[in-house]
Amino acid sequence: MLFSFFQAQAEERGIPTNKASLLLAVIGIANLVGRIILGYISDKPWINRLLVYNVCLTICGLGECIILFIEVKSY
């Protein structure tokens, strides 16, 4: 999902605007932390950077496919 459409998608699912904005901020912070950690790990000489990159892309792709089918009504 493109982050530019994230807030509209969240509001379409019934999430209030302020919580949708908070979700976008949490995603940004998690992205920053993840990039720093994966960058540190990838700098190790015994790590295959291409494998790390491909595993992360696969996990993200599967996560986006699965999230489309999840309906949560806890907000």
PDB file of N, CA and C in Angstrom:
ATOM      1  N   MET A   1       0.850  -1.167   0.000  1.00  0.00           N
ATOM      2  CA  MET A   1       0.000   0.000   0.000  1.00  0.00           C
ATOM      3  C   MET A   1       0.898   1.234   0.000  1.00  0.00           C
ATOM      4  N   LEU A   2       0.578   2.152  -0.852  1.00  0.00           N
ATOM      5  CA  LEU A   2       1.326   3.411  -0.857  1.00  0.00           C
ATOM      6  C   LEU A   2       0.961   4.223   0.377  1.00  0.00           C
ATOM      7  N   PHE A   3       1.952   4.815   0.994  1.00  0.00           N
ATOM      8  CA  PHE A   3       1.694   5.569   2.210  1.00  0.00           C
ATOM      9  C   PHE A   3       0.871   6.825   1.949  1.00  0.00           C
ATOM     10  N   SER A   4       0.871   7.310   0.721  1.00  0.00           N
ATOM     11  CA  SER A   4       0.074   8.499   0.424  1.00  0.00           C
ATOM     12  C   SER A   4      -1.428   8.191   0.478  1.00  0.00           C
ATOM     13  N   PHE A   5      -1.802   6.928   0.332  1.00  0.00           N
ATOM     14  CA  PHE A   5      -3.207   6.531   0.396  1.00  0.00           C
ATOM     15  C   PHE A   5      -3.569   5.875   1.715  1.00  0.00           C
ATOM     16  N   PHE A   6      -2.620   5.781   2.621  1.00  0.00           N
ATOM     17  CA  PHE A   6      -2.837   5.040   3.858  1.00  0.00           C
ATOM     18  C   PHE A   6      -3.952   5.643   4.707  1.00  0.00           C
ATOM     19  N   GLN A   7      -3.929   6.953   4.886  1.00  0.00           N
ATOM     20  CA  GLN A   7      -4.923   7.590   5.735  1.00  0.00           C
ATOM     21  C   GLN A   7      -6.331   7.433   5.152  1.00  0.00           C
ATOM     22  N   ALA A   8      -6.470   7.604   3.853  1.00  0.00           N
ATOM     23  CA  ALA A   8      -7.781   7.435   3.217  1.00  0.00           C
ATOM     24  C   ALA A   8      -8.268   5.989   3.342  1.00  0.00           C
ATOM     25  N   GLN A   9      -7.367   5.032   3.186  1.00  0.00           N
ATOM     26  CA  GLN A   9      -7.738   3.622   3.321  1.00  0.00           C
ATOM     27  C   GLN A   9      -8.169   3.316   4.751  1.00  0.00           C
ATOM     28  N   ALA A  10      -7.466   3.867   5.728  1.00  0.00           N
ATOM     29  CA  ALA A  10      -7.832   3.645   7.128  1.00  0.00           C
ATOM     30  C   ALA A  10      -9.183   4.273   7.443  1.00  0.00           C
ATOM     31  N   GLU A  11      -9.432   5.469   6.945  1.00  0.00           N
ATOM     32  CA  GLU A  11     -10.721   6.121   7.188  1.00  0.00           C
ATOM     33  C   GLU A  11     -11.853   5.366   6.505  1.00  0.00           C
ATOM     34  N   GLU A  12     -11.570   4.770   5.354  1.00  0.00           N
ATOM     35  CA  GLU A  12     -12.588   3.984   4.656  1.00  0.00           C
ATOM     36  C   GLU A  12     -12.988   2.760   5.469  1.00  0.00           C
ATOM     37  N   ARG A  13     -12.060   2.262   6.253  1.00  0.00           N
ATOM     38  CA  ARG A  13     -12.340   1.107   7.105  1.00  0.00           C
ATOM     39  C   ARG A  13     -12.927   1.514   8.456  1.00  0.00           C
ATOM     40  N   GLY A  14     -13.179   2.807   8.647  1.00  0.00           N
ATOM     41  CA  GLY A  14     -13.839   3.262   9.859  1.00  0.00           C
ATOM     42  C   GLY A  14     -12.922   3.747  10.960  1.00  0.00           C
ATOM     43  N   ILE A  15     -11.656   3.879  10.690  1.00  0.00           N
ATOM     44  CA  ILE A  15     -10.709   4.366  11.695  1.00  0.00           C
ATOM     45  C   ILE A  15     -10.753   5.894  11.690  1.00  0.00           C
ATOM     46  N   PRO A  16     -10.888   6.533  12.854  1.00  0.00           N
ATOM     47  CA  PRO A  16     -10.926   7.999  12.908  1.00  0.00           C
ATOM     48  C   PRO A  16      -9.645   8.630  12.347  1.00  0.00           C
ATOM     49  N   THR A  17      -9.761   9.873  11.891  1.00  0.00           N
ATOM     50  CA  THR A  17      -8.648  10.567  11.243  1.00  0.00           C
ATOM     51  C   THR A  17      -7.427  10.669  12.146  1.00  0.00           C
ATOM     52  N   ASN A  18      -7.629  10.981  13.425  1.00  0.00           N
ATOM     53  CA  ASN A  18      -6.468  11.136  14.316  1.00  0.00           C
ATOM     54  C   ASN A  18      -5.737   9.817  14.541  1.00  0.00           C
ATOM     55  N   LYS A  19      -6.471   8.711  14.607  1.00  0.00           N
ATOM     56  CA  LYS A  19      -5.811   7.417  14.775  1.00  0.00           C
ATOM     57  C   LYS A  19      -5.141   6.969  13.478  1.00  0.00           C
ATOM     58  N   ALA A  20      -5.714   7.323  12.343  1.00  0.00           N
ATOM     59  CA  ALA A  20      -5.092   6.996  11.059  1.00  0.00           C
ATOM     60  C   ALA A  20      -3.774   7.750  10.915  1.00  0.00           C
ATOM     61  N   SER A  21      -3.746   8.991  11.344  1.00  0.00           N
ATOM     62  CA  SER A  21      -2.499   9.765  11.305  1.00  0.00           C
ATOM     63  C   SER A  21      -1.462   9.177  12.249  1.00  0.00           C
ATOM     64  N   LEU A  22      -1.899   8.724  13.415  1.00  0.00           N
ATOM     65  CA  LEU A  22      -0.997   8.095  14.372  1.00  0.00           C
ATOM     66  C   LEU A  22      -0.404   6.813  13.785  1.00  0.00           C
ATOM     67  N   LEU A  23      -1.225   6.034  13.091  1.00  0.00           N
ATOM     68  CA  LEU A  23      -0.728   4.812  12.456  1.00  0.00           C
ATOM     69  C   LEU A  23       0.360   5.129  11.431  1.00  0.00           C
ATOM     70  N   LEU A  24       0.161   6.178  10.676  1.00  0.00           N
ATOM     71  CA  LEU A  24       1.153   6.585   9.679  1.00  0.00           C
ATOM     72  C   LEU A  24       2.463   6.990  10.355  1.00  0.00           C
ATOM     73  N   ALA A  25       2.379   7.680  11.486  1.00  0.00           N
ATOM     74  CA  ALA A  25       3.582   8.067  12.230  1.00  0.00           C
ATOM     75  C   ALA A  25       4.297   6.843  12.783  1.00  0.00           C
ATOM     76  N   VAL A  26       3.554   5.869  13.278  1.00  0.00           N
ATOM     77  CA  VAL A  26       4.151   4.643  13.814  1.00  0.00           C
ATOM     78  C   VAL A  26       4.860   3.870  12.700  1.00  0.00           C
ATOM     79  N   ILE A  27       4.246   3.820  11.523  1.00  0.00           N
ATOM     80  CA  ILE A  27       4.886   3.148  10.389  1.00  0.00           C
ATOM     81  C   ILE A  27       6.200   3.837  10.027  1.00  0.00           C
ATOM     82  N   GLY A  28       6.212   5.153  10.027  1.00  0.00           N
ATOM     83  CA  GLY A  28       7.430   5.897   9.716  1.00  0.00           C
ATOM     84  C   GLY A  28       8.535   5.646  10.723  1.00  0.00           C
ATOM     85  N   ILE A  29       8.197   5.616  11.989  1.00  0.00           N
ATOM     86  CA  ILE A  29       9.193   5.361  13.034  1.00  0.00           C
ATOM     87  C   ILE A  29       9.721   3.933  12.936  1.00  0.00           C
ATOM     88  N   ALA A  30       8.820   2.967  12.713  1.00  0.00           N
ATOM     89  CA  ALA A  30       9.251   1.575  12.559  1.00  0.00           C
ATOM     90  C   ALA A  30      10.143   1.411  11.332  1.00  0.00           C
ATOM     91  N   ASN A  31       9.846   2.144  10.270  1.00  0.00           N
ATOM     92  CA  ASN A  31      10.657   2.109   9.069  1.00  0.00           C
ATOM     93  C   ASN A  31      12.068   2.611   9.365  1.00  0.00           C
ATOM     94  N   LEU A  32      12.174   3.702  10.090  1.00  0.00           N
ATOM     95  CA  LEU A  32      13.470   4.266  10.452  1.00  0.00           C
ATOM     96  C   LEU A  32      14.286   3.293  11.294  1.00  0.00           C
ATOM     97  N   VAL A  33      13.669   2.733  12.322  1.00  0.00           N
ATOM     98  CA  VAL A  33      14.369   1.801  13.206  1.00  0.00           C
ATOM     99  C   VAL A  33      14.788   0.547  12.432  1.00  0.00           C
ATOM    100  N   GLY A  34      13.890   0.042  11.596  1.00  0.00           N
ATOM    101  CA  GLY A  34      14.204  -1.148  10.809  1.00  0.00           C
ATOM    102  C   GLY A  34      15.346  -0.929   9.842  1.00  0.00           C
ATOM    103  N   ARG A  35      15.391   0.232   9.217  1.00  0.00           N
ATOM    104  CA  ARG A  35      16.483   0.522   8.285  1.00  0.00           C
ATOM    105  C   ARG A  35      17.825   0.596   9.011  1.00  0.00           C
ATOM    106  N   ILE A  36      17.831   1.195  10.194  1.00  0.00           N
ATOM    107  CA  ILE A  36      19.081   1.288  10.959  1.00  0.00           C
ATOM    108  C   ILE A  36      19.556  -0.094  11.382  1.00  0.00           C
ATOM    109  N   ILE A  37      18.646  -0.905  11.896  1.00  0.00           N
ATOM    110  CA  ILE A  37      19.025  -2.251  12.358  1.00  0.00           C
ATOM    111  C   ILE A  37      19.474  -3.119  11.186  1.00  0.00           C
ATOM    112  N   LEU A  38      18.710  -3.115  10.091  1.00  0.00           N
ATOM    113  CA  LEU A  38      19.097  -3.928   8.938  1.00  0.00           C
ATOM    114  C   LEU A  38      20.387  -3.418   8.294  1.00  0.00           C
ATOM    115  N   GLY A  39      20.612  -2.120   8.333  1.00  0.00           N
ATOM    116  CA  GLY A  39      21.868  -1.577   7.828  1.00  0.00           C
ATOM    117  C   GLY A  39      23.044  -2.036   8.659  1.00  0.00           C
ATOM    118  N   TYR A  40      22.873  -2.050   9.967  1.00  0.00           N
ATOM    119  CA  TYR A  40      23.930  -2.525  10.857  1.00  0.00           C
ATOM    120  C   TYR A  40      24.215  -4.004  10.614  1.00  0.00           C
ATOM    121  N   ILE A  41      23.158  -4.799  10.510  1.00  0.00           N
ATOM    122  CA  ILE A  41      23.320  -6.238  10.276  1.00  0.00           C
ATOM    123  C   ILE A  41      23.971  -6.493   8.918  1.00  0.00           C
ATOM    124  N   SER A  42      23.544  -5.742   7.904  1.00  0.00           N
ATOM    125  CA  SER A  42      24.071  -5.951   6.548  1.00  0.00           C
ATOM    126  C   SER A  42      25.535  -5.549   6.412  1.00  0.00           C
ATOM    127  N   ASP A  43      26.047  -4.753   7.314  1.00  0.00           N
ATOM    128  CA  ASP A  43      27.457  -4.365   7.268  1.00  0.00           C
ATOM    129  C   ASP A  43      28.387  -5.468   7.761  1.00  0.00           C
ATOM    130  N   LYS A  44      27.844  -6.496   8.364  1.00  0.00           N
ATOM    131  CA  LYS A  44      28.673  -7.604   8.844  1.00  0.00           C
ATOM    132  C   LYS A  44      29.178  -8.397   7.642  1.00  0.00           C
ATOM    133  N   PRO A  45      30.455  -8.783   7.654  1.00  0.00           N
ATOM    134  CA  PRO A  45      31.032  -9.475   6.487  1.00  0.00           C
ATOM    135  C   PRO A  45      30.449 -10.867   6.240  1.00  0.00           C
ATOM    136  N   TRP A  46      29.875 -11.503   7.245  1.00  0.00           N
ATOM    137  CA  TRP A  46      29.354 -12.853   7.098  1.00  0.00           C
ATOM    138  C   TRP A  46      27.882 -12.883   6.696  1.00  0.00           C
ATOM    139  N   ILE A  47      27.281 -11.720   6.467  1.00  0.00           N
ATOM    140  CA  ILE A  47      25.869 -11.634   6.080  1.00  0.00           C
ATOM    141  C   ILE A  47      25.753 -11.480   4.569  1.00  0.00           C
ATOM    142  N   ASN A  48      24.859 -12.232   3.976  1.00  0.00           N
ATOM    143  CA  ASN A  48      24.561 -12.102   2.558  1.00  0.00           C
ATOM    144  C   ASN A  48      23.512 -10.997   2.403  1.00  0.00           C
ATOM    145  N   ARG A  49      23.917  -9.823   1.941  1.00  0.00           N
ATOM    146  CA  ARG A  49      23.019  -8.670   1.852  1.00  0.00           C
ATOM    147  C   ARG A  49      21.847  -8.922   0.927  1.00  0.00           C
ATOM    148  N   LEU A  50      22.083  -9.587  -0.166  1.00  0.00           N
ATOM    149  CA  LEU A  50      21.013  -9.869  -1.119  1.00  0.00           C
ATOM    150  C   LEU A  50      19.957 -10.770  -0.500  1.00  0.00           C
ATOM    151  N   LEU A  51      20.375 -11.747   0.271  1.00  0.00           N
ATOM    152  CA  LEU A  51      19.427 -12.632   0.942  1.00  0.00           C
ATOM    153  C   LEU A  51      18.599 -11.854   1.969  1.00  0.00           C
ATOM    154  N   VAL A  52      19.241 -11.000   2.753  1.00  0.00           N
ATOM    155  CA  VAL A  52      18.527 -10.185   3.742  1.00  0.00           C
ATOM    156  C   VAL A  52      17.488  -9.306   3.048  1.00  0.00           C
ATOM    157  N   TYR A  53      17.882  -8.672   1.962  1.00  0.00           N
ATOM    158  CA  TYR A  53      16.982  -7.799   1.202  1.00  0.00           C
ATOM    159  C   TYR A  53      15.797  -8.585   0.650  1.00  0.00           C
ATOM    160  N   ASN A  54      16.062  -9.747   0.062  1.00  0.00           N
ATOM    161  CA  ASN A  54      14.985 -10.551  -0.516  1.00  0.00           C
ATOM    162  C   ASN A  54      14.032 -11.094   0.538  1.00  0.00           C
ATOM    163  N   VAL A  55      14.557 -11.506   1.675  1.00  0.00           N
ATOM    164  CA  VAL A  55      13.695 -11.986   2.759  1.00  0.00           C
ATOM    165  C   VAL A  55      12.795 -10.861   3.266  1.00  0.00           C
ATOM    166  N   CYS A  56      13.354  -9.674   3.441  1.00  0.00           N
ATOM    167  CA  CYS A  56      12.561  -8.533   3.915  1.00  0.00           C
ATOM    168  C   CYS A  56      11.469  -8.159   2.907  1.00  0.00           C
ATOM    169  N   LEU A  57      11.799  -8.152   1.627  1.00  0.00           N
ATOM    170  CA  LEU A  57      10.799  -7.846   0.603  1.00  0.00           C
ATOM    171  C   LEU A  57       9.694  -8.889   0.569  1.00  0.00           C
ATOM    172  N   THR A  58      10.047 -10.153   0.732  1.00  0.00           N
ATOM    173  CA  THR A  58       9.060 -11.220   0.742  1.00  0.00           C
ATOM    174  C   THR A  58       8.118 -11.079   1.933  1.00  0.00           C
ATOM    175  N   ILE A  59       8.677 -10.809   3.106  1.00  0.00           N
ATOM    176  CA  ILE A  59       7.849 -10.638   4.301  1.00  0.00           C
ATOM    177  C   ILE A  59       6.911  -9.446   4.142  1.00  0.00           C
ATOM    178  N   CYS A  60       7.415  -8.335   3.622  1.00  0.00           N
ATOM    179  CA  CYS A  60       6.582  -7.148   3.419  1.00  0.00           C
ATOM    180  C   CYS A  60       5.477  -7.419   2.405  1.00  0.00           C
ATOM    181  N   GLY A  61       5.804  -8.100   1.327  1.00  0.00           N
ATOM    182  CA  GLY A  61       4.802  -8.420   0.309  1.00  0.00           C
ATOM    183  C   GLY A  61       3.715  -9.328   0.847  1.00  0.00           C
ATOM    184  N   LEU A  62       4.097 -10.355   1.587  1.00  0.00           N
ATOM    185  CA  LEU A  62       3.102 -11.246   2.186  1.00  0.00           C
ATOM    186  C   LEU A  62       2.248 -10.508   3.213  1.00  0.00           C
ATOM    187  N   GLY A  63       2.875  -9.635   3.969  1.00  0.00           N
ATOM    188  CA  GLY A  63       2.127  -8.848   4.956  1.00  0.00           C
ATOM    189  C   GLY A  63       1.074  -7.969   4.307  1.00  0.00           C
ATOM    190  N   GLU A  64       1.425  -7.352   3.197  1.00  0.00           N
ATOM    191  CA  GLU A  64       0.456  -6.498   2.506  1.00  0.00           C
ATOM    192  C   GLU A  64      -0.669  -7.315   1.889  1.00  0.00           C
ATOM    193  N   CYS A  65      -0.370  -8.507   1.423  1.00  0.00           N
ATOM    194  CA  CYS A  65      -1.427  -9.368   0.872  1.00  0.00           C
ATOM    195  C   CYS A  65      -2.375  -9.836   1.969  1.00  0.00           C
ATOM    196  N   ILE A  66      -1.834 -10.185   3.114  1.00  0.00           N
ATOM    197  CA  ILE A  66      -2.650 -10.691   4.217  1.00  0.00           C
ATOM    198  C   ILE A  66      -3.498  -9.583   4.834  1.00  0.00           C
ATOM    199  N   ILE A  67      -2.954  -8.379   4.952  1.00  0.00           N
ATOM    200  CA  ILE A  67      -3.648  -7.288   5.636  1.00  0.00           C
ATOM    201  C   ILE A  67      -4.952  -6.897   4.941  1.00  0.00           C
ATOM    202  N   LEU A  68      -5.038  -7.168   3.658  1.00  0.00           N
ATOM    203  CA  LEU A  68      -6.263  -6.830   2.912  1.00  0.00           C
ATOM    204  C   LEU A  68      -7.467  -7.641   3.379  1.00  0.00           C
ATOM    205  N   PHE A  69      -7.221  -8.802   3.937  1.00  0.00           N
ATOM    206  CA  PHE A  69      -8.303  -9.699   4.327  1.00  0.00           C
ATOM    207  C   PHE A  69      -8.624  -9.665   5.826  1.00  0.00           C
ATOM    208  N   ILE A  70      -7.933  -8.818   6.568  1.00  0.00           N
ATOM    209  CA  ILE A  70      -8.147  -8.747   8.010  1.00  0.00           C
ATOM    210  C   ILE A  70      -9.156  -7.635   8.314  1.00  0.00           C
ATOM    211  N   GLU A  71     -10.189  -7.989   9.046  1.00  0.00           N
ATOM    212  CA  GLU A  71     -11.167  -6.992   9.498  1.00  0.00           C
ATOM    213  C   GLU A  71     -11.067  -6.913  11.019  1.00  0.00           C
ATOM    214  N   VAL A  72     -10.691  -5.768  11.519  1.00  0.00           N
ATOM    215  CA  VAL A  72     -10.542  -5.553  12.954  1.00  0.00           C
ATOM    216  C   VAL A  72     -11.530  -4.473  13.376  1.00  0.00           C
ATOM    217  N   LYS A  73     -12.276  -4.740  14.419  1.00  0.00           N
ATOM    218  CA  LYS A  73     -13.263  -3.799  14.925  1.00  0.00           C
ATOM    219  C   LYS A  73     -12.973  -3.407  16.375  1.00  0.00           C
ATOM    220  N   SER A  74     -11.709  -3.266  16.729  1.00  0.00           N
ATOM    221  CA  SER A  74     -11.359  -3.000  18.122  1.00  0.00           C
ATOM    222  C   SER A  74     -11.093  -1.518  18.411  1.00  0.00           C
ATOM    223  N   TYR A  75     -11.311  -0.638  17.461  1.00  0.00           N
ATOM    224  CA  TYR A  75     -11.031   0.777  17.691  1.00  0.00           C
ATOM    225  C   TYR A  75     -12.269   1.428  18.049  1.00  0.00           C
TER     226      TYR A  75
END
